[in-house]
């Protein structure tokens, strides 16, 4: 198995437990690691034989439109489910970084499916 990673993709989603926090989109950084068999792509040099990471990126940039989450745990799970459901991956790892605690660089949630 091989992996393709999108690291620290900047998105703006409505997320937070209090309604006031969810009122405005927040800056988040997403890291997504997708695992699949890319041996055909290595032979053919054809994007149809791999995961189109540009398409994944475009999907993630629009993923939050018209949606909100209270917990970044739920957000990470929803992203993982969407990637597995829409793209040719056998395994996905998702990190969501949220910049909400002033004394910390960020809060990080990780999920694998």
PDB file of N, CA and C in Angstrom:
ATOM      1  N   UNK A   1       0.834  -1.183   0.000  1.00  0.00           N
ATOM      2  CA  UNK A   1       0.000   0.000   0.000  1.00  0.00           C
ATOM      3  C   UNK A   1       0.881   1.250   0.000  1.00  0.00           C
ATOM      4  N   UNK A   2       0.362   2.262  -0.645  1.00  0.00           N
ATOM      5  CA  UNK A   2       1.059   3.542  -0.710  1.00  0.00           C
ATOM      6  C   UNK A   2       0.160   4.620  -0.118  1.00  0.00           C
ATOM      7  N   UNK A   3       0.730   5.780   0.112  1.00  0.00           N
ATOM      8  CA  UNK A   3      -0.009   6.868   0.751  1.00  0.00           C
ATOM      9  C   UNK A   3       0.154   8.166  -0.022  1.00  0.00           C
ATOM     10  N   UNK A   4      -0.909   8.942  -0.035  1.00  0.00           N
ATOM     11  CA  UNK A   4      -0.875  10.323  -0.529  1.00  0.00           C
ATOM     12  C   UNK A   4      -1.333  11.195   0.625  1.00  0.00           C
ATOM     13  N   UNK A   5      -0.603  12.266   0.885  1.00  0.00           N
ATOM     14  CA  UNK A   5      -0.934  13.162   1.994  1.00  0.00           C
ATOM     15  C   UNK A   5      -1.213  14.563   1.504  1.00  0.00           C
ATOM     16  N   UNK A   6      -2.201  15.182   2.109  1.00  0.00           N
ATOM     17  CA  UNK A   6      -2.455  16.617   1.973  1.00  0.00           C
ATOM     18  C   UNK A   6      -2.210  17.175   3.372  1.00  0.00           C
ATOM     19  N   UNK A   7      -1.250  18.049   3.505  1.00  0.00           N
ATOM     20  CA  UNK A   7      -0.797  18.476   4.828  1.00  0.00           C
ATOM     21  C   UNK A   7      -1.144  19.938   5.093  1.00  0.00           C
ATOM     22  N   UNK A   8      -1.822  20.152   6.223  1.00  0.00           N
ATOM     23  CA  UNK A   8      -2.168  21.491   6.710  1.00  0.00           C
ATOM     24  C   UNK A   8      -2.942  22.322   5.683  1.00  0.00           C
ATOM     25  N   UNK A   9      -3.972  21.729   5.108  1.00  0.00           N
ATOM     26  CA  UNK A   9      -4.856  22.455   4.203  1.00  0.00           C
ATOM     27  C   UNK A   9      -5.685  23.439   5.023  1.00  0.00           C
ATOM     28  N   UNK A  10      -5.608  24.708   4.673  1.00  0.00           N
ATOM     29  CA  UNK A  10      -6.334  25.741   5.407  1.00  0.00           C
ATOM     30  C   UNK A  10      -7.780  25.794   4.925  1.00  0.00           C
ATOM     31  N   UNK A  11      -8.716  25.588   5.873  1.00  0.00           N
ATOM     32  CA  UNK A  11     -10.141  25.669   5.586  1.00  0.00           C
ATOM     33  C   UNK A  11     -10.797  26.562   6.633  1.00  0.00           C
ATOM     34  N   UNK A  12     -11.999  26.972   6.342  1.00  0.00           N
ATOM     35  CA  UNK A  12     -12.769  27.798   7.276  1.00  0.00           C
ATOM     36  C   UNK A  12     -14.145  27.170   7.436  1.00  0.00           C
ATOM     37  N   UNK A  13     -14.375  26.541   8.605  1.00  0.00           N
ATOM     38  CA  UNK A  13     -15.628  25.853   8.898  1.00  0.00           C
ATOM     39  C   UNK A  13     -16.242  26.438  10.166  1.00  0.00           C
ATOM     40  N   UNK A  14     -17.541  26.266  10.286  1.00  0.00           N
ATOM     41  CA  UNK A  14     -18.269  26.642  11.504  1.00  0.00           C
ATOM     42  C   UNK A  14     -18.172  25.476  12.481  1.00  0.00           C
ATOM     43  N   UNK A  15     -17.414  25.679  13.553  1.00  0.00           N
ATOM     44  CA  UNK A  15     -17.216  24.609  14.526  1.00  0.00           C
ATOM     45  C   UNK A  15     -17.040  25.207  15.918  1.00  0.00           C
ATOM     46  N   UNK A  16     -17.613  24.553  16.920  1.00  0.00           N
ATOM     47  CA  UNK A  16     -17.481  25.003  18.302  1.00  0.00           C
ATOM     48  C   UNK A  16     -18.707  24.620  19.106  1.00  0.00           C
ATOM     49  N   UNK A  17     -18.517  24.384  20.374  1.00  0.00           N
ATOM     50  CA  UNK A  17     -19.626  23.972  21.233  1.00  0.00           C
ATOM     51  C   UNK A  17     -20.632  25.116  21.438  1.00  0.00           C
ATOM     52  N   UNK A  18     -20.195  26.302  21.848  1.00  0.00           N
ATOM     53  CA  UNK A  18     -21.188  27.377  22.015  1.00  0.00           C
ATOM     54  C   UNK A  18     -21.666  27.908  20.654  1.00  0.00           C
ATOM     55  N   UNK A  19     -22.929  28.297  20.608  1.00  0.00           N
ATOM     56  CA  UNK A  19     -23.483  28.869  19.380  1.00  0.00           C
ATOM     57  C   UNK A  19     -22.673  30.072  18.903  1.00  0.00           C
ATOM     58  N   UNK A  20     -22.195  30.863  19.846  1.00  0.00           N
ATOM     59  CA  UNK A  20     -21.432  32.067  19.480  1.00  0.00           C
ATOM     60  C   UNK A  20     -20.130  31.702  18.771  1.00  0.00           C
ATOM     61  N   UNK A  21     -19.534  30.594  19.167  1.00  0.00           N
ATOM     62  CA  UNK A  21     -18.285  30.163  18.523  1.00  0.00           C
ATOM     63  C   UNK A  21     -18.544  29.658  17.100  1.00  0.00           C
ATOM     64  N   UNK A  22     -19.688  29.003  16.914  1.00  0.00           N
ATOM     65  CA  UNK A  22     -20.042  28.477  15.595  1.00  0.00           C
ATOM     66  C   UNK A  22     -20.600  29.555  14.659  1.00  0.00           C
ATOM     67  N   UNK A  23     -20.874  30.730  15.178  1.00  0.00           N
ATOM     68  CA  UNK A  23     -21.515  31.789  14.377  1.00  0.00           C
ATOM     69  C   UNK A  23     -20.654  32.224  13.190  1.00  0.00           C
ATOM     70  N   UNK A  24     -19.348  32.234  13.366  1.00  0.00           N
ATOM     71  CA  UNK A  24     -18.436  32.640  12.298  1.00  0.00           C
ATOM     72  C   UNK A  24     -17.516  31.467  11.963  1.00  0.00           C
ATOM     73  N   UNK A  25     -17.143  31.318  10.699  1.00  0.00           N
ATOM     74  CA  UNK A  25     -16.219  30.234  10.361  1.00  0.00           C
ATOM     75  C   UNK A  25     -14.858  30.453  11.013  1.00  0.00           C
ATOM     76  N   UNK A  26     -14.269  29.363  11.447  1.00  0.00           N
ATOM     77  CA  UNK A  26     -12.942  29.405  12.068  1.00  0.00           C
ATOM     78  C   UNK A  26     -11.909  28.796  11.139  1.00  0.00           C
ATOM     79  N   UNK A  27     -10.720  29.308  11.249  1.00  0.00           N
ATOM     80  CA  UNK A  27      -9.591  28.744  10.504  1.00  0.00           C
ATOM     81  C   UNK A  27      -9.196  27.422  11.146  1.00  0.00           C
ATOM     82  N   UNK A  28      -9.112  26.396  10.329  1.00  0.00           N
ATOM     83  CA  UNK A  28      -8.654  25.080  10.746  1.00  0.00           C
ATOM     84  C   UNK A  28      -7.592  24.621   9.756  1.00  0.00           C
ATOM     85  N   UNK A  29      -6.724  23.737  10.186  1.00  0.00           N
ATOM     86  CA  UNK A  29      -5.781  23.092   9.280  1.00  0.00           C
ATOM     87  C   UNK A  29      -6.095  21.607   9.266  1.00  0.00           C
ATOM     88  N   UNK A  30      -6.258  21.065   8.060  1.00  0.00           N
ATOM     89  CA  UNK A  30      -6.557  19.650   7.888  1.00  0.00           C
ATOM     90  C   UNK A  30      -5.361  18.936   7.285  1.00  0.00           C
ATOM     91  N   UNK A  31      -5.060  17.784   7.830  1.00  0.00           N
ATOM     92  CA  UNK A  31      -4.102  16.880   7.218  1.00  0.00           C
ATOM     93  C   UNK A  31      -4.836  15.579   6.949  1.00  0.00           C
ATOM     94  N   UNK A  32      -4.719  15.118   5.715  1.00  0.00           N
ATOM     95  CA  UNK A  32      -5.390  13.889   5.304  1.00  0.00           C
ATOM     96  C   UNK A  32      -4.350  12.978   4.658  1.00  0.00           C
ATOM     97  N   UNK A  33      -4.255  11.759   5.163  1.00  0.00           N
ATOM     98  CA  UNK A  33      -3.366  10.761   4.594  1.00  0.00           C
ATOM     99  C   UNK A  33      -4.253   9.642   4.055  1.00  0.00           C
ATOM    100  N   UNK A  34      -4.161   9.411   2.757  1.00  0.00           N
ATOM    101  CA  UNK A  34      -4.997   8.417   2.087  1.00  0.00           C
ATOM    102  C   UNK A  34      -4.143   7.251   1.632  1.00  0.00           C
ATOM    103  N   UNK A  35      -4.593   6.060   1.959  1.00  0.00           N
ATOM    104  CA  UNK A  35      -3.844   4.861   1.611  1.00  0.00           C
ATOM    105  C   UNK A  35      -4.602   4.062   0.567  1.00  0.00           C
ATOM    106  N   UNK A  36      -3.871   3.593  -0.417  1.00  0.00           N
ATOM    107  CA  UNK A  36      -4.457   2.783  -1.474  1.00  0.00           C
ATOM    108  C   UNK A  36      -3.334   2.085  -2.229  1.00  0.00           C
ATOM    109  N   UNK A  37      -3.714   1.240  -3.159  1.00  0.00           N
ATOM    110  CA  UNK A  37      -2.738   0.577  -4.011  1.00  0.00           C
ATOM    111  C   UNK A  37      -2.515   1.459  -5.242  1.00  0.00           C
ATOM    112  N   UNK A  38      -1.374   2.109  -5.312  1.00  0.00           N
ATOM    113  CA  UNK A  38      -1.063   3.013  -6.414  1.00  0.00           C
ATOM    114  C   UNK A  38      -0.129   2.374  -7.439  1.00  0.00           C
ATOM    115  N   UNK A  39      -0.010   1.058  -7.402  1.00  0.00           N
ATOM    116  CA  UNK A  39       0.913   0.400  -8.328  1.00  0.00           C
ATOM    117  C   UNK A  39       0.485   0.589  -9.782  1.00  0.00           C
ATOM    118  N   UNK A  40      -0.812   0.593 -10.059  1.00  0.00           N
ATOM    119  CA  UNK A  40      -1.268   0.819 -11.439  1.00  0.00           C
ATOM    120  C   UNK A  40      -0.878   2.221 -11.903  1.00  0.00           C
ATOM    121  N   UNK A  41      -1.047   3.203 -11.055  1.00  0.00           N
ATOM    122  CA  UNK A  41      -0.680   4.581 -11.408  1.00  0.00           C
ATOM    123  C   UNK A  41       0.818   4.700 -11.670  1.00  0.00           C
ATOM    124  N   UNK A  42       1.599   3.980 -10.897  1.00  0.00           N
ATOM    125  CA  UNK A  42       3.048   4.004 -11.096  1.00  0.00           C
ATOM    126  C   UNK A  42       3.431   3.425 -12.453  1.00  0.00           C
ATOM    127  N   UNK A  43       2.646   2.456 -12.920  1.00  0.00           N
ATOM    128  CA  UNK A  43       2.919   1.849 -14.232  1.00  0.00           C
ATOM    129  C   UNK A  43       2.375   2.701 -15.381  1.00  0.00           C
ATOM    130  N   UNK A  44       1.155   3.219 -15.218  1.00  0.00           N
ATOM    131  CA  UNK A  44       0.463   3.864 -16.344  1.00  0.00           C
ATOM    132  C   UNK A  44       0.685   5.358 -16.444  1.00  0.00           C
ATOM    133  N   UNK A  45       1.042   5.993 -15.327  1.00  0.00           N
ATOM    134  CA  UNK A  45       1.172   7.451 -15.285  1.00  0.00           C
ATOM    135  C   UNK A  45      -0.162   8.127 -15.622  1.00  0.00           C
ATOM    136  N   UNK A  46      -1.265   7.484 -15.213  1.00  0.00           N
ATOM    137  CA  UNK A  46      -2.621   7.952 -15.516  1.00  0.00           C
ATOM    138  C   UNK A  46      -3.336   8.317 -14.219  1.00  0.00           C
ATOM    139  N   UNK A  47      -3.857   9.514 -14.155  1.00  0.00           N
ATOM    140  CA  UNK A  47      -4.538   9.983 -12.946  1.00  0.00           C
ATOM    141  C   UNK A  47      -5.759   9.138 -12.607  1.00  0.00           C
ATOM    142  N   UNK A  48      -6.333   8.479 -13.587  1.00  0.00           N
ATOM    143  CA  UNK A  48      -7.488   7.616 -13.334  1.00  0.00           C
ATOM    144  C   UNK A  48      -7.124   6.419 -12.458  1.00  0.00           C
ATOM    145  N   UNK A  49      -5.844   6.119 -12.342  1.00  0.00           N
ATOM    146  CA  UNK A  49      -5.384   4.969 -11.561  1.00  0.00           C
ATOM    147  C   UNK A  49      -4.911   5.349 -10.165  1.00  0.00           C
ATOM    148  N   UNK A  50      -5.224   6.552  -9.738  1.00  0.00           N
ATOM    149  CA  UNK A  50      -4.771   7.001  -8.427  1.00  0.00           C
ATOM    150  C   UNK A  50      -5.852   7.846  -7.772  1.00  0.00           C
ATOM    151  N   UNK A  51      -5.540   8.399  -6.621  1.00  0.00           N
ATOM    152  CA  UNK A  51      -6.430   9.337  -5.946  1.00  0.00           C
ATOM    153  C   UNK A  51      -6.091  10.734  -6.453  1.00  0.00           C
ATOM    154  N   UNK A  52      -7.063  11.406  -6.980  1.00  0.00           N
ATOM    155  CA  UNK A  52      -6.872  12.767  -7.482  1.00  0.00           C
ATOM    156  C   UNK A  52      -6.853  13.714  -6.282  1.00  0.00           C
ATOM    157  N   UNK A  53      -5.658  14.018  -5.789  1.00  0.00           N
ATOM    158  CA  UNK A  53      -5.553  14.832  -4.576  1.00  0.00           C
ATOM    159  C   UNK A  53      -6.060  16.249  -4.788  1.00  0.00           C
ATOM    160  N   UNK A  54      -6.038  16.734  -6.034  1.00  0.00           N
ATOM    161  CA  UNK A  54      -6.634  18.050  -6.297  1.00  0.00           C
ATOM    162  C   UNK A  54      -8.143  17.983  -6.072  1.00  0.00           C
ATOM    163  N   UNK A  55      -8.786  16.923  -6.526  1.00  0.00           N
ATOM    164  CA  UNK A  55     -10.230  16.753  -6.318  1.00  0.00           C
ATOM    165  C   UNK A  55     -10.551  16.618  -4.835  1.00  0.00           C
ATOM    166  N   UNK A  56      -9.716  15.894  -4.099  1.00  0.00           N
ATOM    167  CA  UNK A  56      -9.912  15.771  -2.652  1.00  0.00           C
ATOM    168  C   UNK A  56      -9.804  17.146  -2.001  1.00  0.00           C
ATOM    169  N   UNK A  57      -8.801  17.899  -2.394  1.00  0.00           N
ATOM    170  CA  UNK A  57      -8.607  19.244  -1.842  1.00  0.00           C
ATOM    171  C   UNK A  57      -9.810  20.132  -2.115  1.00  0.00           C
ATOM    172  N   UNK A  58     -10.299  20.119  -3.335  1.00  0.00           N
ATOM    173  CA  UNK A  58     -11.466  20.939  -3.680  1.00  0.00           C
ATOM    174  C   UNK A  58     -12.682  20.518  -2.860  1.00  0.00           C
ATOM    175  N   UNK A  59     -12.838  19.223  -2.645  1.00  0.00           N
ATOM    176  CA  UNK A  59     -13.951  18.722  -1.833  1.00  0.00           C
ATOM    177  C   UNK A  59     -13.836  19.223  -0.404  1.00  0.00           C
ATOM    178  N   UNK A  60     -12.636  19.180   0.159  1.00  0.00           N
ATOM    179  CA  UNK A  60     -12.435  19.633   1.533  1.00  0.00           C
ATOM    180  C   UNK A  60     -12.632  21.137   1.676  1.00  0.00           C
ATOM    181  N   UNK A  61     -12.217  21.908   0.675  1.00  0.00           N
ATOM    182  CA  UNK A  61     -12.401  23.358   0.744  1.00  0.00           C
ATOM    183  C   UNK A  61     -13.875  23.739   0.785  1.00  0.00           C
ATOM    184  N   UNK A  62     -14.727  22.922   0.195  1.00  0.00           N
ATOM    185  CA  UNK A  62     -16.170  23.198   0.163  1.00  0.00           C
ATOM    186  C   UNK A  62     -16.951  22.378   1.189  1.00  0.00           C
ATOM    187  N   UNK A  63     -16.290  21.509   1.908  1.00  0.00           N
ATOM    188  CA  UNK A  63     -16.944  20.564   2.807  1.00  0.00           C
ATOM    189  C   UNK A  63     -17.784  21.251   3.885  1.00  0.00           C
ATOM    190  N   UNK A  64     -17.360  22.412   4.321  1.00  0.00           N
ATOM    191  CA  UNK A  64     -18.059  23.098   5.403  1.00  0.00           C
ATOM    192  C   UNK A  64     -19.206  23.995   4.964  1.00  0.00           C
ATOM    193  N   UNK A  65     -19.424  24.129   3.671  1.00  0.00           N
ATOM    194  CA  UNK A  65     -20.475  25.030   3.185  1.00  0.00           C
ATOM    195  C   UNK A  65     -21.850  24.569   3.653  1.00  0.00           C
ATOM    196  N   UNK A  66     -22.534  25.449   4.372  1.00  0.00           N
ATOM    197  CA  UNK A  66     -23.877  25.153   4.852  1.00  0.00           C
ATOM    198  C   UNK A  66     -23.938  24.152   5.990  1.00  0.00           C
ATOM    199  N   UNK A  67     -22.810  23.886   6.610  1.00  0.00           N
ATOM    200  CA  UNK A  67     -22.748  22.903   7.688  1.00  0.00           C
ATOM    201  C   UNK A  67     -22.062  23.500   8.905  1.00  0.00           C
ATOM    202  N   UNK A  68     -22.307  22.869  10.044  1.00  0.00           N
ATOM    203  CA  UNK A  68     -21.580  23.239  11.257  1.00  0.00           C
ATOM    204  C   UNK A  68     -21.437  22.013  12.148  1.00  0.00           C
ATOM    205  N   UNK A  69     -20.444  22.069  13.010  1.00  0.00           N
ATOM    206  CA  UNK A  69     -20.161  20.991  13.945  1.00  0.00           C
ATOM    207  C   UNK A  69     -19.892  21.589  15.311  1.00  0.00           C
ATOM    208  N   UNK A  70     -20.283  20.880  16.344  1.00  0.00           N
ATOM    209  CA  UNK A  70     -19.924  21.289  17.697  1.00  0.00           C
ATOM    210  C   UNK A  70     -18.509  20.806  18.027  1.00  0.00           C
ATOM    211  N   UNK A  71     -18.212  19.573  17.629  1.00  0.00           N
ATOM    212  CA  UNK A  71     -16.943  18.951  18.015  1.00  0.00           C
ATOM    213  C   UNK A  71     -16.056  18.688  16.808  1.00  0.00           C
ATOM    214  N   UNK A  72     -14.762  18.933  16.971  1.00  0.00           N
ATOM    215  CA  UNK A  72     -13.840  18.608  15.889  1.00  0.00           C
ATOM    216  C   UNK A  72     -13.682  17.095  15.741  1.00  0.00           C
ATOM    217  N   UNK A  73     -14.025  16.331  16.768  1.00  0.00           N
ATOM    218  CA  UNK A  73     -14.020  14.876  16.653  1.00  0.00           C
ATOM    219  C   UNK A  73     -15.042  14.426  15.600  1.00  0.00           C
ATOM    220  N   UNK A  74     -16.228  15.002  15.645  1.00  0.00           N
ATOM    221  CA  UNK A  74     -17.279  14.680  14.677  1.00  0.00           C
ATOM    222  C   UNK A  74     -16.881  15.163  13.291  1.00  0.00           C
ATOM    223  N   UNK A  75     -16.312  16.348  13.209  1.00  0.00           N
ATOM    224  CA  UNK A  75     -15.842  16.879  11.932  1.00  0.00           C
ATOM    225  C   UNK A  75     -14.817  15.938  11.304  1.00  0.00           C
ATOM    226  N   UNK A  76     -13.842  15.482  12.075  1.00  0.00           N
ATOM    227  CA  UNK A  76     -12.810  14.581  11.560  1.00  0.00           C
ATOM    228  C   UNK A  76     -13.435  13.271  11.060  1.00  0.00           C
ATOM    229  N   UNK A  77     -14.386  12.741  11.802  1.00  0.00           N
ATOM    230  CA  UNK A  77     -15.060  11.500  11.394  1.00  0.00           C
ATOM    231  C   UNK A  77     -15.852  11.712  10.110  1.00  0.00           C
ATOM    232  N   UNK A  78     -16.533  12.842   9.987  1.00  0.00           N
ATOM    233  CA  UNK A  78     -17.303  13.140   8.773  1.00  0.00           C
ATOM    234  C   UNK A  78     -16.385  13.274   7.551  1.00  0.00           C
ATOM    235  N   UNK A  79     -15.239  13.911   7.740  1.00  0.00           N
ATOM    236  CA  UNK A  79     -14.275  14.044   6.641  1.00  0.00           C
ATOM    237  C   UNK A  79     -13.770  12.664   6.224  1.00  0.00           C
ATOM    238  N   UNK A  80     -13.403  11.837   7.196  1.00  0.00           N
ATOM    239  CA  UNK A  80     -12.910  10.496   6.884  1.00  0.00           C
ATOM    240  C   UNK A  80     -13.964   9.691   6.126  1.00  0.00           C
ATOM    241  N   UNK A  81     -15.208   9.742   6.580  1.00  0.00           N
ATOM    242  CA  UNK A  81     -16.288   9.010   5.909  1.00  0.00           C
ATOM    243  C   UNK A  81     -16.483   9.501   4.477  1.00  0.00           C
ATOM    244  N   UNK A  82     -16.425  10.812   4.278  1.00  0.00           N
ATOM    245  CA  UNK A  82     -16.613  11.374   2.935  1.00  0.00           C
ATOM    246  C   UNK A  82     -15.492  10.931   1.997  1.00  0.00           C
ATOM    247  N   UNK A  83     -14.267  10.956   2.475  1.00  0.00           N
ATOM    248  CA  UNK A  83     -13.137  10.571   1.615  1.00  0.00           C
ATOM    249  C   UNK A  83     -13.211   9.092   1.253  1.00  0.00           C
ATOM    250  N   UNK A  84     -13.522   8.247   2.224  1.00  0.00           N
ATOM    251  CA  UNK A  84     -13.642   6.816   1.936  1.00  0.00           C
ATOM    252  C   UNK A  84     -14.800   6.568   0.967  1.00  0.00           C
ATOM    253  N   UNK A  85     -15.881   7.300   1.146  1.00  0.00           N
ATOM    254  CA  UNK A  85     -17.051   7.101   0.306  1.00  0.00           C
ATOM    255  C   UNK A  85     -16.923   7.639  -1.109  1.00  0.00           C
ATOM    256  N   UNK A  86     -16.114   8.674  -1.303  1.00  0.00           N
ATOM    257  CA  UNK A  86     -16.062   9.357  -2.589  1.00  0.00           C
ATOM    258  C   UNK A  86     -14.797   9.101  -3.405  1.00  0.00           C
ATOM    259  N   UNK A  87     -13.748   8.623  -2.764  1.00  0.00           N
ATOM    260  CA  UNK A  87     -12.472   8.449  -3.458  1.00  0.00           C
ATOM    261  C   UNK A  87     -11.962   7.029  -3.273  1.00  0.00           C
ATOM    262  N   UNK A  88     -11.070   6.620  -4.145  1.00  0.00           N
ATOM    263  CA  UNK A  88     -10.554   5.245  -4.132  1.00  0.00           C
ATOM    264  C   UNK A  88      -9.457   5.089  -3.081  1.00  0.00           C
ATOM    265  N   UNK A  89      -9.869   5.024  -1.820  1.00  0.00           N
ATOM    266  CA  UNK A  89      -8.904   4.810  -0.744  1.00  0.00           C
ATOM    267  C   UNK A  89      -9.369   3.641   0.114  1.00  0.00           C
ATOM    268  N   UNK A  90      -8.421   2.912   0.642  1.00  0.00           N
ATOM    269  CA  UNK A  90      -8.753   1.789   1.516  1.00  0.00           C
ATOM    270  C   UNK A  90      -8.666   2.182   2.984  1.00  0.00           C
ATOM    271  N   UNK A  91      -7.931   3.250   3.262  1.00  0.00           N
ATOM    272  CA  UNK A  91      -7.689   3.676   4.640  1.00  0.00           C
ATOM    273  C   UNK A  91      -7.438   5.177   4.611  1.00  0.00           C
ATOM    274  N   UNK A  92      -7.941   5.879   5.607  1.00  0.00           N
ATOM    275  CA  UNK A  92      -7.708   7.325   5.672  1.00  0.00           C
ATOM    276  C   UNK A  92      -7.397   7.724   7.115  1.00  0.00           C
ATOM    277  N   UNK A  93      -6.519   8.694   7.225  1.00  0.00           N
ATOM    278  CA  UNK A  93      -6.131   9.290   8.504  1.00  0.00           C
ATOM    279  C   UNK A  93      -6.404  10.778   8.368  1.00  0.00           C
ATOM    280  N   UNK A  94      -7.131  11.346   9.336  1.00  0.00           N
ATOM    281  CA  UNK A  94      -7.492  12.762   9.280  1.00  0.00           C
ATOM    282  C   UNK A  94      -7.054  13.449  10.573  1.00  0.00           C
ATOM    283  N   UNK A  95      -6.399  14.575  10.414  1.00  0.00           N
ATOM    284  CA  UNK A  95      -6.075  15.457  11.548  1.00  0.00           C
ATOM    285  C   UNK A  95      -6.800  16.778  11.343  1.00  0.00           C
ATOM    286  N   UNK A  96      -7.359  17.288  12.438  1.00  0.00           N
ATOM    287  CA  UNK A  96      -7.970  18.615  12.426  1.00  0.00           C
ATOM    288  C   UNK A  96      -7.279  19.433  13.509  1.00  0.00           C
ATOM    289  N   UNK A  97      -6.680  20.550  13.097  1.00  0.00           N
ATOM    290  CA  UNK A  97      -6.044  21.475  14.044  1.00  0.00           C
ATOM    291  C   UNK A  97      -6.951  22.691  14.203  1.00  0.00           C
ATOM    292  N   UNK A  98      -7.231  23.026  15.461  1.00  0.00           N
ATOM    293  CA  UNK A  98      -8.098  24.159  15.798  1.00  0.00           C
ATOM    294  C   UNK A  98      -7.314  25.105  16.703  1.00  0.00           C
ATOM    295  N   UNK A  99      -7.455  26.380  16.447  1.00  0.00           N
ATOM    296  CA  UNK A  99      -6.663  27.401  17.141  1.00  0.00           C
ATOM    297  C   UNK A  99      -7.564  28.180  18.096  1.00  0.00           C
ATOM    298  N   UNK A 100      -7.958  27.531  19.177  1.00  0.00           N
ATOM    299  CA  UNK A 100      -8.957  28.114  20.065  1.00  0.00           C
ATOM    300  C   UNK A 100      -8.430  28.461  21.453  1.00  0.00           C
ATOM    301  N   UNK A 101      -7.372  27.787  21.894  1.00  0.00           N
ATOM    302  CA  UNK A 101      -6.833  28.040  23.233  1.00  0.00           C
ATOM    303  C   UNK A 101      -5.611  28.937  23.092  1.00  0.00           C
ATOM    304  N   UNK A 102      -5.692  30.158  23.617  1.00  0.00           N
ATOM    305  CA  UNK A 102      -4.594  31.114  23.417  1.00  0.00           C
ATOM    306  C   UNK A 102      -3.238  30.630  23.931  1.00  0.00           C
ATOM    307  N   UNK A 103      -3.234  29.831  24.982  1.00  0.00           N
ATOM    308  CA  UNK A 103      -1.980  29.370  25.561  1.00  0.00           C
ATOM    309  C   UNK A 103      -1.385  28.171  24.829  1.00  0.00           C
ATOM    310  N   UNK A 104      -2.108  27.624  23.872  1.00  0.00           N
ATOM    311  CA  UNK A 104      -1.626  26.457  23.122  1.00  0.00           C
ATOM    312  C   UNK A 104      -1.493  26.819  21.651  1.00  0.00           C
ATOM    313  N   UNK A 105      -0.546  26.207  20.991  1.00  0.00           N
ATOM    314  CA  UNK A 105      -0.369  26.441  19.561  1.00  0.00           C
ATOM    315  C   UNK A 105      -1.629  26.018  18.804  1.00  0.00           C
ATOM    316  N   UNK A 106      -2.178  24.858  19.151  1.00  0.00           N
ATOM    317  CA  UNK A 106      -3.447  24.382  18.583  1.00  0.00           C
ATOM    318  C   UNK A 106      -3.933  23.186  19.360  1.00  0.00           C
ATOM    319  N   UNK A 107      -5.190  22.821  19.130  1.00  0.00           N
ATOM    320  CA  UNK A 107      -5.772  21.582  19.623  1.00  0.00           C
ATOM    321  C   UNK A 107      -5.862  20.669  18.412  1.00  0.00           C
ATOM    322  N   UNK A 108      -5.513  19.418  18.587  1.00  0.00           N
ATOM    323  CA  UNK A 108      -5.452  18.479  17.459  1.00  0.00           C
ATOM    324  C   UNK A 108      -6.294  17.253  17.752  1.00  0.00           C
ATOM    325  N   UNK A 109      -7.122  16.885  16.767  1.00  0.00           N
ATOM    326  CA  UNK A 109      -7.861  15.622  16.821  1.00  0.00           C
ATOM    327  C   UNK A 109      -7.390  14.770  15.649  1.00  0.00           C
ATOM    328  N   UNK A 110      -7.183  13.475  15.887  1.00  0.00           N
ATOM    329  CA  UNK A 110      -6.758  12.537  14.851  1.00  0.00           C
ATOM    330  C   UNK A 110      -7.741  11.378  14.812  1.00  0.00           C
ATOM    331  N   UNK A 111      -8.059  10.939  13.611  1.00  0.00           N
ATOM    332  CA  UNK A 111      -8.936   9.781  13.453  1.00  0.00           C
ATOM    333  C   UNK A 111      -8.454   8.957  12.265  1.00  0.00           C
ATOM    334  N   UNK A 112      -8.604   7.650  12.388  1.00  0.00           N
ATOM    335  CA  UNK A 112      -8.266   6.745  11.287  1.00  0.00           C
ATOM    336  C   UNK A 112      -9.463   5.859  11.003  1.00  0.00           C
ATOM    337  N   UNK A 113      -9.724   5.637   9.737  1.00  0.00           N
ATOM    338  CA  UNK A 113     -10.791   4.720   9.320  1.00  0.00           C
ATOM    339  C   UNK A 113     -10.318   3.901   8.157  1.00  0.00           C
TER     340      UNK A 113
END
